[in-house]
Protein backbone atom coordinates (compact mmCIF):
# COMPACT_ATOMS: atom_id res chain seq x y z
CA MET A 1 120.15 70.12 127.80
CA TYR A 2 122.47 67.25 127.84
CA ILE A 3 125.57 69.28 127.21
CA SER A 4 127.27 68.67 130.46
CA THR A 5 126.92 64.91 130.10
CA ILE A 6 127.91 64.75 126.70
CA ASN A 7 130.98 67.11 127.48
CA GLN A 8 132.07 64.76 130.37
CA ILE A 9 131.59 61.64 128.19
CA PHE A 10 133.71 63.29 125.47
CA LYS A 11 136.41 64.17 127.96
CA ASP A 12 136.60 60.56 129.14
CA ILE A 13 137.01 59.40 125.54
CA MET A 14 139.70 61.50 124.89
CA TYR A 15 141.56 61.29 128.10
CA LEU A 16 141.04 65.30 128.82
CA ASP A 17 141.60 66.82 132.13
CA GLU A 18 138.49 67.15 134.12
CA ALA A 19 139.38 70.55 134.50
CA GLU A 20 139.98 71.39 130.65
CA GLU A 21 137.10 73.77 129.39
CA LEU A 22 135.84 72.80 126.09
CA ASP A 23 134.27 75.08 123.70
CA PRO A 24 130.98 73.77 122.56
CA ASN A 25 131.02 74.94 119.15
CA LYS A 26 134.51 73.78 118.22
CA SER A 27 135.05 70.78 115.86
CA LEU A 28 135.57 67.52 117.94
CA PHE A 29 137.71 66.16 115.12
CA SER A 30 139.60 69.37 113.87
CA ASP A 31 139.87 70.97 117.12
CA TYR A 32 140.05 68.42 119.72
CA GLY A 33 141.91 65.51 117.87
CA MET A 34 138.90 62.90 117.74
CA THR A 35 139.91 59.79 115.49
CA SER A 36 137.35 57.28 113.67
CA ILE A 37 138.21 54.86 116.67
CA ASP A 38 137.46 57.73 119.31
CA TYR A 39 134.05 58.53 117.26
CA ILE A 40 132.96 54.85 117.39
CA ASP A 41 133.68 54.65 121.36
CA PHE A 42 131.72 58.05 121.63
CA ALA A 43 128.58 57.07 120.05
CA PHE A 44 128.69 53.77 121.87
CA GLU A 45 128.88 55.79 125.34
CA LEU A 46 126.31 58.03 124.15
CA LYS A 47 124.07 55.12 123.40
CA LYS A 48 124.69 53.30 126.56
CA HIS A 49 124.51 56.51 128.93
CA PHE A 50 121.33 58.16 127.28
CA LYS A 51 119.79 54.75 126.38
CA VAL A 52 118.68 55.80 122.98
CA ASP A 53 119.44 54.07 119.58
CA VAL A 54 122.40 56.28 118.54
CA SER A 55 124.81 54.53 116.19
CA PRO A 56 127.85 56.13 114.34
CA GLU A 57 125.94 56.33 111.06
CA SER A 58 122.76 57.86 112.46
CA LEU A 59 124.95 60.65 114.64
CA TRP A 60 126.80 61.81 111.68
CA PRO A 61 125.28 60.38 108.45
CA VAL A 62 127.42 62.59 106.21
CA ASN A 63 130.04 59.71 106.04
CA LYS A 64 127.52 57.55 104.37
CA TRP A 65 126.24 60.28 102.38
CA ALA A 66 129.79 61.06 100.95
CA THR A 67 129.79 57.67 99.66
CA THR A 68 126.54 57.42 98.09
CA GLU A 69 125.92 58.64 94.60
CA ASP A 70 122.51 60.14 95.28
CA TYR A 71 124.13 62.48 97.70
CA TYR A 72 127.59 63.03 96.04
CA SER A 73 128.66 63.19 92.77
CA PHE A 74 131.99 61.41 92.33
CA ASP A 75 132.35 62.58 88.76
CA THR A 76 132.18 66.13 89.64
CA LYS A 77 133.63 65.90 93.28
CA GLU A 78 130.22 68.01 94.41
CA TRP A 79 127.53 67.22 96.62
CA THR A 80 124.20 66.94 94.72
CA SER A 81 121.01 69.00 95.48
CA LYS A 82 119.74 66.08 97.51
CA GLY A 83 122.91 65.84 99.42
CA LEU A 84 122.94 69.61 100.14
CA THR A 85 119.51 69.68 101.35
CA GLU A 86 120.07 66.84 103.88
CA ILE A 87 123.53 68.12 105.18
CA ASN A 88 121.89 71.63 105.62
CA ASN A 89 118.83 69.97 107.38
CA LEU A 90 120.83 67.80 109.66
CA LEU A 91 123.11 70.98 110.25
CA GLY A 92 120.21 73.57 110.64
CA LEU A 93 121.68 75.66 108.06
CA LYS A 94 119.76 77.69 106.04
CA GLY A 95 120.26 80.94 103.41
CA SER A 96 123.74 82.44 103.41
CA ASP A 97 124.53 80.05 106.46
CA ALA A 98 123.81 76.97 104.09
CA VAL A 99 126.63 75.34 102.70
CA ASP A 100 127.44 74.92 98.84
CA LYS A 101 127.65 71.84 96.54
CA LYS A 102 131.72 72.29 96.61
CA ILE A 103 132.30 72.00 100.20
CA GLN A 104 134.74 69.35 101.06
CA PHE A 105 133.82 66.37 103.13
CA LYS A 106 136.50 67.23 105.64
CA GLU A 107 135.27 71.03 106.13
CA LEU A 108 132.16 69.18 107.25
CA TYR A 109 134.01 68.11 110.40
CA SER A 110 134.07 71.80 111.83
CA TYR A 111 130.21 71.34 112.34
CA PHE A 112 130.52 68.30 114.36
CA THR A 113 130.53 70.04 118.00
CA LEU A 114 129.37 69.50 121.22
CA ASN A 115 126.45 71.54 120.57
CA TYR A 116 125.69 69.44 117.65
CA ILE A 117 125.76 66.41 119.30
CA ASN A 118 123.44 67.77 122.03
CA GLN A 119 121.25 68.83 119.18
CA GLN A 120 121.27 65.11 117.89
CA ILE A 121 120.68 63.47 121.28
CA SER A 122 117.69 66.01 122.25
CA ALA A 123 116.16 65.18 118.99
CA VAL A 124 116.32 61.46 119.62
CA LYS A 125 115.13 61.62 122.97
CA ALA A 126 112.32 63.75 121.93
CA GLN A 127 111.01 61.19 119.29
CA VAL A 128 110.97 58.19 122.25
CA ALA A 129 109.21 60.63 124.80
């Protein structure tokens, strides 16, 4: 629904050529080289453009969950059942597509895509409508 605008905002933040085609299913971090600073700028621009309450923490709460004992066990280096439930719900993963407790934090970045951002923005916009 908002994918073309999100795509343009991302291109602007990353100084990508207008003609460059982006795959909406590729990771913005792993495949397109987004850094943490780019991410903060991106979240700010999304908030400004869509006029919704989108913070870096709400856009990708996985970063916070990875530092919270209720969600991630520092002893076993695994996600807790609560953490897994939240991650799978956030990413809309079920059954055989669901991630397991051993998934590494950086592997989750593969799910941070233009399509994911579109779903998040759409959900926030639906709440305010």
